PDB file of all heavy atoms in Angstrom:
ATOM      1  N   GLU A   1      99.900  72.204  93.136  1.00  0.00           N
ATOM      2  CA  GLU A   1     101.302  72.030  92.785  1.00  0.00           C
ATOM      3  C   GLU A   1     101.414  71.215  91.497  1.00  0.00           C
ATOM      4  O   GLU A   1     100.756  70.197  91.336  1.00  0.00           O
ATOM      5  CB  GLU A   1     102.041  71.308  93.915  1.00  0.00           C
ATOM      6  CG  GLU A   1     102.098  72.075  95.225  1.00  0.00           C
ATOM      7  CD  GLU A   1     103.168  73.150  95.205  1.00  0.00           C
ATOM      8  OE1 GLU A   1     104.076  73.055  94.362  1.00  0.00           O
ATOM      9  OE2 GLU A   1     103.085  74.083  96.017  1.00  0.00           O
ATOM     10  N   VAL A   2     102.279  71.689  90.580  1.00  0.00           N
ATOM     11  CA  VAL A   2     102.467  70.946  89.319  1.00  0.00           C
ATOM     12  C   VAL A   2     103.931  70.622  89.066  1.00  0.00           C
ATOM     13  O   VAL A   2     104.233  69.842  88.149  1.00  0.00           O
ATOM     14  CB  VAL A   2     101.918  71.762  88.128  1.00  0.00           C
ATOM     15  CG1 VAL A   2     100.420  71.932  88.252  1.00  0.00           C
ATOM     16  CG2 VAL A   2     102.602  73.111  87.998  1.00  0.00           C
ATOM     17  N   GLY A   3     104.852  71.201  89.827  1.00  0.00           N
ATOM     18  CA  GLY A   3     106.262  70.938  89.599  1.00  0.00           C
ATOM     19  C   GLY A   3     106.756  71.596  88.327  1.00  0.00           C
ATOM     20  O   GLY A   3     106.331  72.683  87.953  1.00  0.00           O
ATOM     21  N   ASP A   4     107.665  70.911  87.617  1.00  0.00           N
ATOM     22  CA  ASP A   4     108.236  71.432  86.373  1.00  0.00           C
ATOM     23  C   ASP A   4     107.423  70.918  85.195  1.00  0.00           C
ATOM     24  O   ASP A   4     107.600  69.787  84.744  1.00  0.00           O
ATOM     25  CB  ASP A   4     109.701  71.023  86.248  1.00  0.00           C
ATOM     26  CG  ASP A   4     110.580  71.681  87.298  1.00  0.00           C
ATOM     27  OD1 ASP A   4     110.293  72.840  87.641  1.00  0.00           O
ATOM     28  OD2 ASP A   4     111.532  71.043  87.768  1.00  0.00           O
ATOM     29  N   ALA A   5     106.538  71.754  84.695  1.00  0.00           N
ATOM     30  CA  ALA A   5     105.687  71.383  83.575  1.00  0.00           C
ATOM     31  C   ALA A   5     106.360  71.763  82.257  1.00  0.00           C
ATOM     32  O   ALA A   5     107.316  72.536  82.218  1.00  0.00           O
ATOM     33  CB  ALA A   5     104.332  72.077  83.695  1.00  0.00           C
ATOM     34  N   ASP A   6     105.842  71.196  81.150  1.00  0.00           N
ATOM     35  CA  ASP A   6     106.385  71.503  79.826  1.00  0.00           C
ATOM     36  C   ASP A   6     106.148  72.962  79.455  1.00  0.00           C
ATOM     37  O   ASP A   6     106.927  73.552  78.710  1.00  0.00           O
ATOM     38  CB  ASP A   6     105.755  70.591  78.764  1.00  0.00           C
ATOM     39  CG  ASP A   6     106.135  69.139  78.964  1.00  0.00           C
ATOM     40  OD1 ASP A   6     107.201  68.892  79.578  1.00  0.00           O
ATOM     41  OD2 ASP A   6     105.387  68.251  78.519  1.00  0.00           O
ATOM     42  N   LYS A   7     105.066  73.526  79.956  1.00  0.00           N
ATOM     43  CA  LYS A   7     104.781  74.932  79.720  1.00  0.00           C
ATOM     44  C   LYS A   7     103.998  75.463  80.908  1.00  0.00           C
ATOM     45  O   LYS A   7     103.298  74.704  81.594  1.00  0.00           O
ATOM     46  CB  LYS A   7     104.003  75.134  78.420  1.00  0.00           C
ATOM     47  CG  LYS A   7     102.632  74.467  78.391  1.00  0.00           C
ATOM     48  CD  LYS A   7     101.956  74.701  77.045  1.00  0.00           C
ATOM     49  CE  LYS A   7     100.565  74.068  77.008  1.00  0.00           C
ATOM     50  NZ  LYS A   7      99.910  74.278  75.700  1.00  0.00           N
ATOM     51  N   PRO A   8     104.096  76.746  81.192  1.00  0.00           N
ATOM     52  CA  PRO A   8     103.400  77.297  82.367  1.00  0.00           C
ATOM     53  C   PRO A   8     101.889  77.321  82.180  1.00  0.00           C
ATOM     54  O   PRO A   8     101.380  77.303  81.060  1.00  0.00           O
ATOM     55  CB  PRO A   8     103.981  78.711  82.480  1.00  0.00           C
ATOM     56  CG  PRO A   8     104.502  79.032  81.124  1.00  0.00           C
ATOM     57  CD  PRO A   8     104.919  77.746  80.502  1.00  0.00           C
ATOM     58  N   LYS A   9     101.180  77.365  83.293  1.00  0.00           N
ATOM     59  CA  LYS A   9      99.722  77.517  83.249  1.00  0.00           C
ATOM     60  C   LYS A   9      99.316  78.955  82.956  1.00  0.00           C
ATOM     61  O   LYS A   9      98.253  79.206  82.393  1.00  0.00           O
ATOM     62  CB  LYS A   9      99.110  77.091  84.592  1.00  0.00           C
ATOM     63  CG  LYS A   9      99.107  75.602  84.841  1.00  0.00           C
ATOM     64  CD  LYS A   9      98.341  75.291  86.117  1.00  0.00           C
ATOM     65  CE  LYS A   9      98.196  73.792  86.315  1.00  0.00           C
ATOM     66  NZ  LYS A   9      97.407  73.488  87.538  1.00  0.00           N
ATOM     67  N   LEU A  10     100.152  79.888  83.376  1.00  0.00           N
ATOM     68  CA  LEU A  10      99.866  81.303  83.196  1.00  0.00           C
ATOM     69  C   LEU A  10     101.168  82.076  83.341  1.00  0.00           C
ATOM     70  O   LEU A  10     102.011  81.733  84.161  1.00  0.00           O
ATOM     71  CB  LEU A  10      98.857  81.799  84.241  1.00  0.00           C
ATOM     72  CG  LEU A  10      98.558  83.305  84.269  1.00  0.00           C
ATOM     73  CD1 LEU A  10      97.721  83.705  83.060  1.00  0.00           C
ATOM     74  CD2 LEU A  10      97.827  83.700  85.547  1.00  0.00           C
ATOM     75  N   VAL A  11     101.321  83.110  82.523  1.00  0.00           N
ATOM     76  CA  VAL A  11     102.449  84.030  82.692  1.00  0.00           C
ATOM     77  C   VAL A  11     101.861  85.403  83.012  1.00  0.00           C
ATOM     78  O   VAL A  11     101.009  85.915  82.285  1.00  0.00           O
ATOM     79  CB  VAL A  11     103.340  84.084  81.445  1.00  0.00           C
ATOM     80  CG1 VAL A  11     104.438  85.130  81.636  1.00  0.00           C
ATOM     81  CG2 VAL A  11     103.968  82.716  81.186  1.00  0.00           C
ATOM     82  N   PHE A  12     102.350  85.968  84.098  1.00  0.00           N
ATOM     83  CA  PHE A  12     101.807  87.190  84.688  1.00  0.00           C
ATOM     84  C   PHE A  12     102.826  88.307  84.481  1.00  0.00           C
ATOM     85  O   PHE A  12     103.930  88.257  85.028  1.00  0.00           O
ATOM     86  CB  PHE A  12     101.564  86.935  86.182  1.00  0.00           C
ATOM     87  CG  PHE A  12     100.700  87.933  86.870  1.00  0.00           C
ATOM     88  CD1 PHE A  12      99.378  87.648  87.153  1.00  0.00           C
ATOM     89  CD2 PHE A  12     101.209  89.151  87.275  1.00  0.00           C
ATOM     90  CE1 PHE A  12      98.582  88.563  87.821  1.00  0.00           C
ATOM     91  CE2 PHE A  12     100.420  90.068  87.936  1.00  0.00           C
ATOM     92  CZ  PHE A  12      99.104  89.770  88.210  1.00  0.00           C
ATOM     93  N   PHE A  13     102.503  89.302  83.665  1.00  0.00           N
ATOM     94  CA  PHE A  13     103.406  90.428  83.422  1.00  0.00           C
ATOM     95  C   PHE A  13     103.037  91.581  84.354  1.00  0.00           C
ATOM     96  O   PHE A  13     101.919  92.097  84.304  1.00  0.00           O
ATOM     97  CB  PHE A  13     103.330  90.881  81.966  1.00  0.00           C
ATOM     98  CG  PHE A  13     103.974  89.916  81.003  1.00  0.00           C
ATOM     99  CD1 PHE A  13     103.224  88.954  80.358  1.00  0.00           C
ATOM    100  CD2 PHE A  13     105.327  89.967  80.766  1.00  0.00           C
ATOM    101  CE1 PHE A  13     103.808  88.055  79.486  1.00  0.00           C
ATOM    102  CE2 PHE A  13     105.931  89.074  79.885  1.00  0.00           C
ATOM    103  CZ  PHE A  13     105.167  88.117  79.244  1.00  0.00           C
ATOM    104  N   PHE A  14     103.992  91.960  85.178  1.00  0.00           N
ATOM    105  CA  PHE A  14     103.786  92.979  86.213  1.00  0.00           C
ATOM    106  C   PHE A  14     104.405  94.287  85.741  1.00  0.00           C
ATOM    107  O   PHE A  14     105.554  94.596  86.049  1.00  0.00           O
ATOM    108  CB  PHE A  14     104.445  92.516  87.511  1.00  0.00           C
ATOM    109  CG  PHE A  14     103.702  92.916  88.732  1.00  0.00           C
ATOM    110  CD1 PHE A  14     103.314  91.983  89.677  1.00  0.00           C
ATOM    111  CD2 PHE A  14     103.382  94.240  88.955  1.00  0.00           C
ATOM    112  CE1 PHE A  14     102.638  92.356  90.811  1.00  0.00           C
ATOM    113  CE2 PHE A  14     102.701  94.627  90.089  1.00  0.00           C
ATOM    114  CZ  PHE A  14     102.330  93.684  91.016  1.00  0.00           C
ATOM    115  N   ASP A  15     103.648  95.064  84.957  1.00  0.00           N
ATOM    116  CA  ASP A  15     104.175  96.307  84.404  1.00  0.00           C
ATOM    117  C   ASP A  15     104.266  97.381  85.493  1.00  0.00           C
ATOM    118  O   ASP A  15     103.527  97.355  86.479  1.00  0.00           O
ATOM    119  CB  ASP A  15     103.268  96.794  83.268  1.00  0.00           C
ATOM    120  CG  ASP A  15     103.994  97.751  82.335  1.00  0.00           C
ATOM    121  OD1 ASP A  15     105.194  97.986  82.553  1.00  0.00           O
ATOM    122  OD2 ASP A  15     103.360  98.256  81.394  1.00  0.00           O
ATOM    123  N   GLU A  16     105.184  98.332  85.286  1.00  0.00           N
ATOM    124  CA  GLU A  16     105.451  99.397  86.264  1.00  0.00           C
ATOM    125  C   GLU A  16     105.668  98.796  87.651  1.00  0.00           C
ATOM    126  O   GLU A  16     105.074  99.200  88.651  1.00  0.00           O
ATOM    127  CB  GLU A  16     104.303 100.407  86.286  1.00  0.00           C
ATOM    128  CG  GLU A  16     104.059 101.086  84.957  1.00  0.00           C
ATOM    129  CD  GLU A  16     105.211 101.972  84.513  1.00  0.00           C
ATOM    130  OE1 GLU A  16     106.004 102.394  85.373  1.00  0.00           O
ATOM    131  OE2 GLU A  16     105.323 102.229  83.307  1.00  0.00           O
ATOM    132  N   ALA A  17     106.561  97.808  87.701  1.00  0.00           N
ATOM    133  CA  ALA A  17     106.754  97.044  88.937  1.00  0.00           C
ATOM    134  C   ALA A  17     107.294  97.895  90.077  1.00  0.00           C
ATOM    135  O   ALA A  17     107.123  97.536  91.249  1.00  0.00           O
ATOM    136  CB  ALA A  17     107.695  95.870  88.672  1.00  0.00           C
ATOM    137  N   HIS A  18     107.948  99.010  89.762  1.00  0.00           N
ATOM    138  CA  HIS A  18     108.495  99.836  90.845  1.00  0.00           C
ATOM    139  C   HIS A  18     107.395 100.373  91.754  1.00  0.00           C
ATOM    140  O   HIS A  18     107.634 100.661  92.924  1.00  0.00           O
ATOM    141  CB  HIS A  18     109.302 100.999  90.260  1.00  0.00           C
ATOM    142  CG  HIS A  18     108.491 101.960  89.462  1.00  0.00           C
ATOM    143  ND1 HIS A  18     108.105 101.713  88.160  1.00  0.00           N
ATOM    144  CD2 HIS A  18     107.964 103.172  89.775  1.00  0.00           C
ATOM    145  CE1 HIS A  18     107.402 102.730  87.715  1.00  0.00           C
ATOM    146  NE2 HIS A  18     107.289 103.626  88.667  1.00  0.00           N
ATOM    147  N   LEU A  19     106.177 100.489  91.224  1.00  0.00           N
ATOM    148  CA  LEU A  19     105.076 100.973  92.053  1.00  0.00           C
ATOM    149  C   LEU A  19     104.741  99.989  93.163  1.00  0.00           C
ATOM    150  O   LEU A  19     104.263 100.372  94.226  1.00  0.00           O
ATOM    151  CB  LEU A  19     103.833 101.207  91.186  1.00  0.00           C
ATOM    152  CG  LEU A  19     103.972 102.229  90.059  1.00  0.00           C
ATOM    153  CD1 LEU A  19     102.692 102.296  89.250  1.00  0.00           C
ATOM    154  CD2 LEU A  19     104.326 103.595  90.614  1.00  0.00           C
ATOM    155  N   LEU A  20     104.985  98.717  92.905  1.00  0.00           N
ATOM    156  CA  LEU A  20     104.663  97.695  93.904  1.00  0.00           C
ATOM    157  C   LEU A  20     105.581  97.791  95.118  1.00  0.00           C
ATOM    158  O   LEU A  20     105.149  97.601  96.256  1.00  0.00           O
ATOM    159  CB  LEU A  20     104.772  96.308  93.271  1.00  0.00           C
ATOM    160  CG  LEU A  20     104.554  95.110  94.194  1.00  0.00           C
ATOM    161  CD1 LEU A  20     103.125  95.101  94.712  1.00  0.00           C
ATOM    162  CD2 LEU A  20     104.857  93.818  93.478  1.00  0.00           C
ATOM    163  N   PHE A  21     106.835  98.096  94.876  1.00  0.00           N
ATOM    164  CA  PHE A  21     107.819  98.038  95.953  1.00  0.00           C
ATOM    165  C   PHE A  21     108.050  99.383  96.634  1.00  0.00           C
ATOM    166  O   PHE A  21     108.726  99.451  97.660  1.00  0.00           O
ATOM    167  CB  PHE A  21     109.148  97.518  95.400  1.00  0.00           C
ATOM    168  CG  PHE A  21     109.022  96.184  94.722  1.00  0.00           C
ATOM    169  CD1 PHE A  21     109.075  96.083  93.346  1.00  0.00           C
ATOM    170  CD2 PHE A  21     108.822  95.036  95.454  1.00  0.00           C
ATOM    171  CE1 PHE A  21     108.949  94.866  92.717  1.00  0.00           C
ATOM    172  CE2 PHE A  21     108.688  93.810  94.836  1.00  0.00           C
ATOM    173  CZ  PHE A  21     108.756  93.725  93.464  1.00  0.00           C
ATOM    174  N   LYS A  22     107.502 100.453  96.083  1.00  0.00           N
ATOM    175  CA  LYS A  22     107.714 101.773  96.666  1.00  0.00           C
ATOM    176  C   LYS A  22     107.050 101.861  98.036  1.00  0.00           C
ATOM    177  O   LYS A  22     105.875 101.551  98.195  1.00  0.00           O
ATOM    178  CB  LYS A  22     107.160 102.844  95.728  1.00  0.00           C
ATOM    179  CG  LYS A  22     107.394 104.259  96.225  1.00  0.00           C
ATOM    180  CD  LYS A  22     106.821 105.281  95.247  1.00  0.00           C
ATOM    181  CE  LYS A  22     107.041 106.696  95.739  1.00  0.00           C
ATOM    182  NZ  LYS A  22     106.464 107.686  94.808  1.00  0.00           N
ATOM    183  N   ASP A  23     107.818 102.273  99.026  1.00  0.00           N
ATOM    184  CA  ASP A  23     107.322 102.468 100.400  1.00  0.00           C
ATOM    185  C   ASP A  23     106.703 101.206 100.980  1.00  0.00           C
ATOM    186  O   ASP A  23     105.793 101.270 101.812  1.00  0.00           O
ATOM    187  CB  ASP A  23     106.303 103.610 100.457  1.00  0.00           C
ATOM    188  CG  ASP A  23     106.870 104.925  99.986  1.00  0.00           C
ATOM    189  OD1 ASP A  23     108.071 105.160 100.205  1.00  0.00           O
ATOM    190  OD2 ASP A  23     106.119 105.715  99.375  1.00  0.00           O
ATOM    191  N   ALA A  24     107.169 100.048 100.534  1.00  0.00           N
ATOM    192  CA  ALA A  24     106.600  98.793 101.035  1.00  0.00           C
ATOM    193  C   ALA A  24     107.207  98.444 102.397  1.00  0.00           C
ATOM    194  O   ALA A  24     108.398  98.658 102.635  1.00  0.00           O
ATOM    195  CB  ALA A  24     106.862  97.665 100.050  1.00  0.00           C
ATOM    196  N   SER A  25     106.368  97.909 103.286  1.00  0.00           N
ATOM    197  CA  SER A  25     106.844  97.487 104.601  1.00  0.00           C
ATOM    198  C   SER A  25     107.627  96.178 104.474  1.00  0.00           C
ATOM    199  O   SER A  25     107.577  95.492 103.458  1.00  0.00           O
ATOM    200  CB  SER A  25     105.662  97.291 105.546  1.00  0.00           C
ATOM    201  OG  SER A  25     104.844  96.214 105.101  1.00  0.00           O
TER     202      SER A  25
END
């Protein structure tokens, strides 16, 4: 846990995000 930092440790770009949620339980 780091709380509110001055800058993020990592930024994760989730391209074609609709594929993740399609037919999800």
